[in-house]
Amino acid sequence: MTDSLLIFNERSGSCDPAVLAEVERLFAEAGRPISRTLALGDGMLPAAHRARAAGIGLVIVLSGDGSLSTIADVLAGWDGTLLVLPGGTMNLLSRALHGERGVAEIIAAYLGGEGTTLRTPVIRSGELTAYTGMIVGPTAAWADVREDLRNLDVASLASNVPRAISATLNEPGVMLDEGDTDYPAIFVEPSLAGLRAHGVLAGSAADLFRHGWAWLSGDFREGPSEALGVAPALRFRTKGGSLDLLVDGEKEQARSPLELTADRSAVRFYAAQGDAGWR
């Protein structure tokens, strides 16, 4: 396989024509011009068998975490390499793979033979796969606020901010199956050791402000929380009938109780910093 495909999301936070042109220029100057490009929404994503039949050995993705998850799921079982570039709001997967490197630095590392390819730690629950993390619980309502800000939707902000605050403080929380502490949400991230769980804290106005600010400033992991340990599998329950989820930033819902298990990705990623992002 020698061909390459560049997939980009025009709605993502860091994707613009200048960045796309820079990506294509860097590969062309290295004697490895990109064979084809695809804007998300303009055509069907290539499933593993289609990518293999087309001779595609490298898929370059410039997008946010949610779109990256979709692309990786579609390519499951493909034997090429997925090269992730930071093109979204939080870029958690890019940071896990490459540290704080920017687009040009990541491409230079890849073309220079640095780093490695690996099947990354992931979280699985039925048909759901999270590559960067999963938030379980009503605090997931803050995702609507973040989306409103990204779209500069002032009218929606006026209704979604109070709703997110109310959900955080008033809706049934979530707890680990073997525990008795109720949290507004629990954040779970994949690691080489298993699933790492963090209970979100929002017991005061200060906690709520810090948590909301972490969401709005681009990294929900910076909000107030406490470590709940590491395990190969975790089970969650709530007094409500269902659990709100954010899977790599995308909203989902599941019945309670919910079981998550640690696994490895079904596609290989290029990692400029090796496996350091999951230790």
Protein backbone atom coordinates (compact mmCIF):
# COMPACT_ATOMS: atom_id res chain seq x y z
CA MET A 1 0.00 0.00 0.00
CA THR A 2 1.49 3.32 -1.05
CA ASP A 3 -1.37 5.79 -1.49
CA SER A 4 -2.40 8.31 1.16
CA LEU A 5 -5.67 10.01 2.01
CA LEU A 6 -6.12 13.33 3.83
CA ILE A 7 -9.45 13.68 5.66
CA PHE A 8 -10.37 17.04 7.16
CA ASN A 9 -13.30 18.63 8.96
CA GLU A 10 -13.98 22.16 7.79
CA ARG A 11 -16.03 22.87 10.93
CA SER A 12 -13.26 21.95 13.35
CA GLY A 13 -11.59 24.62 15.41
CA SER A 14 -8.08 24.47 13.91
CA CYS A 15 -8.85 23.52 10.30
CA ASP A 16 -8.44 26.23 7.67
CA PRO A 17 -7.23 26.35 4.05
CA ALA A 18 -3.76 27.53 5.07
CA VAL A 19 -3.25 24.54 7.38
CA LEU A 20 -4.48 22.12 4.71
CA ALA A 21 -2.12 23.65 2.15
CA GLU A 22 0.77 23.35 4.62
CA VAL A 23 0.05 19.65 5.20
CA GLU A 24 0.00 18.93 1.46
CA ARG A 25 3.15 21.00 0.88
CA LEU A 26 5.16 19.21 3.56
CA PHE A 27 4.34 15.77 2.17
CA ALA A 28 4.98 16.88 -1.40
CA GLU A 29 8.38 18.38 -0.54
CA ALA A 30 9.34 15.10 1.13
CA GLY A 31 8.59 13.25 -2.11
CA ARG A 32 5.44 11.68 -0.69
CA PRO A 33 2.57 13.71 -2.17
CA ILE A 34 -0.89 13.02 -0.74
CA SER A 35 -2.89 10.99 -3.26
CA ARG A 36 -6.37 12.25 -2.46
CA THR A 37 -8.33 14.43 -0.03
CA LEU A 38 -11.78 14.15 1.50
CA ALA A 39 -13.81 16.76 3.39
CA LEU A 40 -16.03 15.18 6.03
CA GLY A 41 -19.59 15.22 4.76
CA ASP A 42 -18.57 15.35 1.08
CA GLY A 43 -18.34 11.61 0.57
CA MET A 44 -18.38 8.21 2.24
CA LEU A 45 -15.57 7.42 4.64
CA PRO A 46 -13.50 4.46 3.42
CA ALA A 47 -14.18 1.27 5.36
CA ALA A 48 -11.22 -1.02 6.03
CA HIS A 49 -11.82 -3.23 2.99
CA ARG A 50 -12.25 -0.20 0.69
CA ALA A 51 -9.08 1.47 1.97
CA ARG A 52 -7.19 -1.80 1.48
CA ALA A 53 -8.58 -2.31 -2.05
CA ALA A 54 -7.66 1.28 -2.98
CA GLY A 55 -4.06 0.73 -1.86
CA ILE A 56 -4.27 3.34 0.89
CA GLY A 57 -1.53 2.81 3.45
CA LEU A 58 -1.75 6.15 5.27
CA VAL A 59 -4.79 8.12 6.36
CA ILE A 60 -4.06 11.62 7.65
CA VAL A 61 -6.83 13.20 9.71
CA LEU A 62 -7.09 16.90 10.53
CA SER A 63 -10.09 17.13 12.82
CA GLY A 64 -11.35 17.05 16.39
CA ASP A 65 -11.64 14.07 18.72
CA GLY A 66 -15.25 13.21 17.87
CA SER A 67 -14.64 12.98 14.11
CA LEU A 68 -11.40 11.08 14.68
CA SER A 69 -13.27 8.47 16.68
CA THR A 70 -15.76 7.99 13.85
CA ILE A 71 -12.99 7.60 11.27
CA ALA A 72 -11.06 5.14 13.44
CA ASP A 73 -14.20 3.06 13.96
CA VAL A 74 -14.88 2.91 10.21
CA LEU A 75 -11.28 1.85 9.53
CA ALA A 76 -11.30 -0.90 12.20
CA GLY A 77 -9.35 -3.90 10.90
CA TRP A 78 -7.42 -1.91 8.28
CA ASP A 79 -3.68 -2.64 8.29
CA GLY A 80 -2.45 0.86 7.41
CA THR A 81 -1.49 3.79 9.66
CA LEU A 82 -3.73 6.57 10.97
CA LEU A 83 -1.87 9.87 11.35
CA VAL A 84 -3.76 12.26 13.65
CA LEU A 85 -3.20 16.02 13.39
CA PRO A 86 -4.65 18.56 15.85
CA GLY A 87 -7.62 20.14 14.09
CA GLY A 88 -10.31 20.48 16.75
CA THR A 89 -11.11 22.21 20.03
CA MET A 90 -9.40 20.00 22.61
CA ASN A 91 -7.30 17.63 20.47
CA LEU A 92 -6.90 15.16 23.33
CA LEU A 93 -6.03 12.23 21.06
CA SER A 94 -3.37 14.25 19.23
CA ARG A 95 -1.87 15.30 22.55
CA ALA A 96 -1.79 11.70 23.79
CA LEU A 97 -0.08 10.58 20.57
CA HIS A 98 2.27 13.51 19.97
CA GLY A 99 2.46 15.65 23.11
CA GLU A 100 2.19 19.37 22.46
CA ARG A 101 3.63 19.21 18.93
CA GLY A 102 1.89 21.26 16.27
CA VAL A 103 0.88 20.11 12.80
CA ALA A 104 4.24 20.82 11.11
CA GLU A 105 6.23 19.22 13.95
CA ILE A 106 4.13 16.04 13.87
CA ILE A 107 4.51 15.69 10.11
CA ALA A 108 8.27 16.30 10.35
CA ALA A 109 8.56 13.59 13.02
CA TYR A 110 6.56 11.14 10.91
CA LEU A 111 8.49 11.81 7.71
CA GLY A 112 11.76 11.67 9.66
CA GLY A 113 11.05 8.17 10.95
CA GLU A 114 10.64 9.21 14.58
CA GLY A 115 8.11 7.70 16.97
CA THR A 116 6.23 4.46 16.42
CA THR A 117 2.87 2.99 15.47
CA LEU A 118 0.68 1.34 18.07
CA ARG A 119 -2.77 0.14 18.92
CA THR A 120 -3.84 2.67 21.54
CA PRO A 121 -5.68 1.93 24.78
CA VAL A 122 -9.44 2.49 24.35
CA ILE A 123 -12.66 2.18 26.35
CA ARG A 124 -15.39 -0.14 25.08
CA SER A 125 -19.02 -0.55 26.01
CA GLY A 126 -21.10 -2.54 23.55
CA GLU A 127 -20.81 -0.77 20.20
CA LEU A 128 -19.31 2.37 21.78
CA THR A 129 -15.55 2.99 21.67
CA ALA A 130 -13.82 5.95 23.30
CA TYR A 131 -10.27 6.77 22.22
CA THR A 132 -9.67 9.73 24.56
CA GLY A 133 -12.21 9.35 27.34
CA MET A 134 -15.78 9.05 28.43
CA ILE A 135 -17.82 11.20 30.79
CA VAL A 136 -20.64 9.38 32.56
CA GLY A 137 -23.34 11.46 34.25
CA PRO A 138 -25.47 14.62 33.98
CA THR A 139 -22.49 16.99 33.85
CA ALA A 140 -22.27 15.97 30.19
CA ALA A 141 -24.83 18.77 29.63
CA TRP A 142 -21.90 21.21 29.58
CA ALA A 143 -21.08 19.90 26.11
CA ASP A 144 -24.07 21.83 24.75
CA VAL A 145 -22.69 25.03 26.25
CA ARG A 146 -19.31 24.43 24.66
CA GLU A 147 -20.95 23.79 21.28
CA ASP A 148 -23.01 26.99 21.61
CA LEU A 149 -19.83 28.97 22.23
CA ARG A 150 -18.11 27.39 19.24
CA ASN A 151 -21.08 28.36 17.06
CA LEU A 152 -21.52 31.79 18.74
CA ASP A 153 -25.14 30.85 19.42
CA VAL A 154 -26.10 33.40 22.08
CA ALA A 155 -29.78 32.41 22.13
CA SER A 156 -28.98 28.77 22.90
CA LEU A 157 -26.42 29.78 25.53
CA ALA A 158 -29.13 31.62 27.44
CA SER A 159 -31.05 28.36 27.92
CA ASN A 160 -28.23 25.80 27.98
CA VAL A 161 -26.09 27.42 30.70
CA PRO A 162 -28.87 27.30 33.34
CA ARG A 163 -29.75 23.77 32.19
CA ALA A 164 -26.14 22.59 32.59
CA ILE A 165 -25.93 24.14 36.07
CA SER A 166 -29.22 22.54 37.08
CA ALA A 167 -28.15 19.14 35.71
CA THR A 168 -24.87 19.31 37.61
CA LEU A 169 -26.49 20.18 40.93
CA ASN A 170 -29.90 18.54 40.81
CA GLU A 171 -30.13 15.52 38.48
CA PRO A 172 -29.39 12.01 39.83
CA GLY A 173 -25.64 11.51 39.93
CA VAL A 174 -23.52 8.50 39.08
CA MET A 175 -21.49 6.14 41.23
CA LEU A 176 -19.19 3.18 40.81
CA ASP A 177 -21.09 -0.05 41.33
CA GLU A 178 -19.01 -1.04 44.34
CA GLY A 179 -19.00 2.49 45.83
CA ASP A 180 -21.49 4.66 47.71
CA THR A 181 -20.35 8.18 46.71
CA ASP A 182 -22.59 9.98 44.24
CA TYR A 183 -20.87 12.28 41.68
CA PRO A 184 -22.29 14.76 39.14
CA ALA A 185 -20.18 12.81 36.65
CA ILE A 186 -17.26 10.41 36.47
CA PHE A 187 -14.56 10.88 33.83
CA VAL A 188 -12.91 7.68 32.58
CA GLU A 189 -9.77 7.65 30.45
CA PRO A 190 -7.93 4.72 28.85
CA SER A 191 -4.37 3.93 29.93
CA LEU A 192 -1.83 1.14 29.57
CA ALA A 193 -2.71 0.06 33.12
CA GLY A 194 -6.47 -0.05 32.52
CA LEU A 195 -9.33 2.43 32.94
CA ARG A 196 -8.58 5.46 35.12
CA ALA A 197 -11.64 6.97 36.80
CA HIS A 198 -11.98 10.48 38.21
CA GLY A 199 -15.01 11.67 40.17
CA VAL A 200 -16.09 15.19 39.22
CA LEU A 201 -16.56 17.51 42.24
CA ALA A 202 -19.20 20.23 42.23
CA GLY A 203 -20.17 20.67 45.86
CA SER A 204 -19.84 24.44 45.93
CA ALA A 205 -20.25 27.48 43.73
CA ALA A 206 -16.46 27.64 43.39
CA ASP A 207 -16.27 24.03 42.22
CA LEU A 208 -19.07 24.64 39.74
CA PHE A 209 -17.33 27.71 38.34
CA ARG A 210 -14.01 25.90 37.98
CA HIS A 211 -15.67 22.93 36.33
CA GLY A 212 -17.63 25.09 33.89
CA TRP A 213 -14.54 27.11 33.07
CA ALA A 214 -12.57 23.94 32.34
CA TRP A 215 -15.26 22.93 29.83
CA LEU A 216 -15.39 26.32 28.17
CA SER A 217 -11.61 26.82 28.02
CA GLY A 218 -11.08 23.57 26.14
CA ASP A 219 -10.15 20.75 28.54
CA PHE A 220 -12.80 19.33 30.86
CA ARG A 221 -10.11 17.28 32.63
CA GLU A 222 -8.86 20.45 34.34
CA GLY A 223 -12.04 20.78 36.41
CA PRO A 224 -12.13 19.79 40.12
CA SER A 225 -12.06 16.01 40.57
CA GLU A 226 -10.69 13.18 42.70
CA ALA A 227 -8.96 9.99 41.58
CA LEU A 228 -11.07 6.82 41.94
CA GLY A 229 -8.46 4.27 40.88
CA VAL A 230 -7.54 2.08 37.92
CA ALA A 231 -9.22 -1.17 36.84
CA PRO A 232 -9.57 -3.40 33.74
CA ALA A 233 -13.35 -2.89 33.89
CA LEU A 234 -15.72 -0.49 35.66
CA ARG A 235 -19.45 -0.62 36.32
CA PHE A 236 -21.58 2.47 36.90
CA ARG A 237 -25.10 2.99 38.20
CA THR A 238 -27.50 5.82 38.89
CA LYS A 239 -30.83 6.27 40.66
CA GLY A 240 -32.23 7.45 37.33
CA GLY A 241 -33.11 5.00 34.58
CA SER A 242 -30.39 6.06 32.16
CA LEU A 243 -26.94 7.63 32.06
CA ASP A 244 -25.89 10.59 29.95
CA LEU A 245 -22.54 10.02 28.24
CA LEU A 246 -19.95 11.98 26.36
CA VAL A 247 -17.87 9.63 24.23
CA ASP A 248 -14.82 11.52 22.91
CA GLY A 249 -16.94 14.65 23.24
CA GLU A 250 -20.00 13.28 21.44
CA LYS A 251 -23.31 12.85 23.30
CA GLU A 252 -24.69 9.35 23.87
CA GLN A 253 -27.01 7.69 26.38
CA ALA A 254 -26.98 4.27 28.03
CA ARG A 255 -29.10 2.28 30.45
CA SER A 256 -27.98 1.89 34.05
CA PRO A 257 -26.00 -0.07 35.07
CA LEU A 258 -23.25 0.56 32.52
CA GLU A 259 -20.08 -1.51 32.16
CA LEU A 260 -16.90 -0.20 30.55
CA THR A 261 -13.89 -2.36 29.69
CA ALA A 262 -10.29 -1.61 28.72
CA ASP A 263 -9.14 -2.72 25.27
CA ARG A 264 -6.85 -1.75 22.39
CA SER A 265 -7.82 0.06 19.19
CA ALA A 266 -8.64 -1.95 16.07
CA VAL A 267 -6.51 0.39 13.94
CA ARG A 268 -2.87 1.44 14.29
CA PHE A 269 -2.02 5.06 15.07
CA TYR A 270 1.24 6.90 14.50
CA ALA A 271 2.58 8.26 17.81
CA ALA A 272 5.42 10.77 17.69
CA GLN A 273 6.05 10.30 21.43
CA GLY A 274 5.48 6.56 21.55
CA ASP A 275 3.13 5.28 24.26
CA ALA A 276 3.99 8.04 26.76
CA GLY A 277 0.52 9.59 26.52
CA TRP A 278 -1.20 6.59 28.14
CA ARG A 279 1.10 5.75 31.04
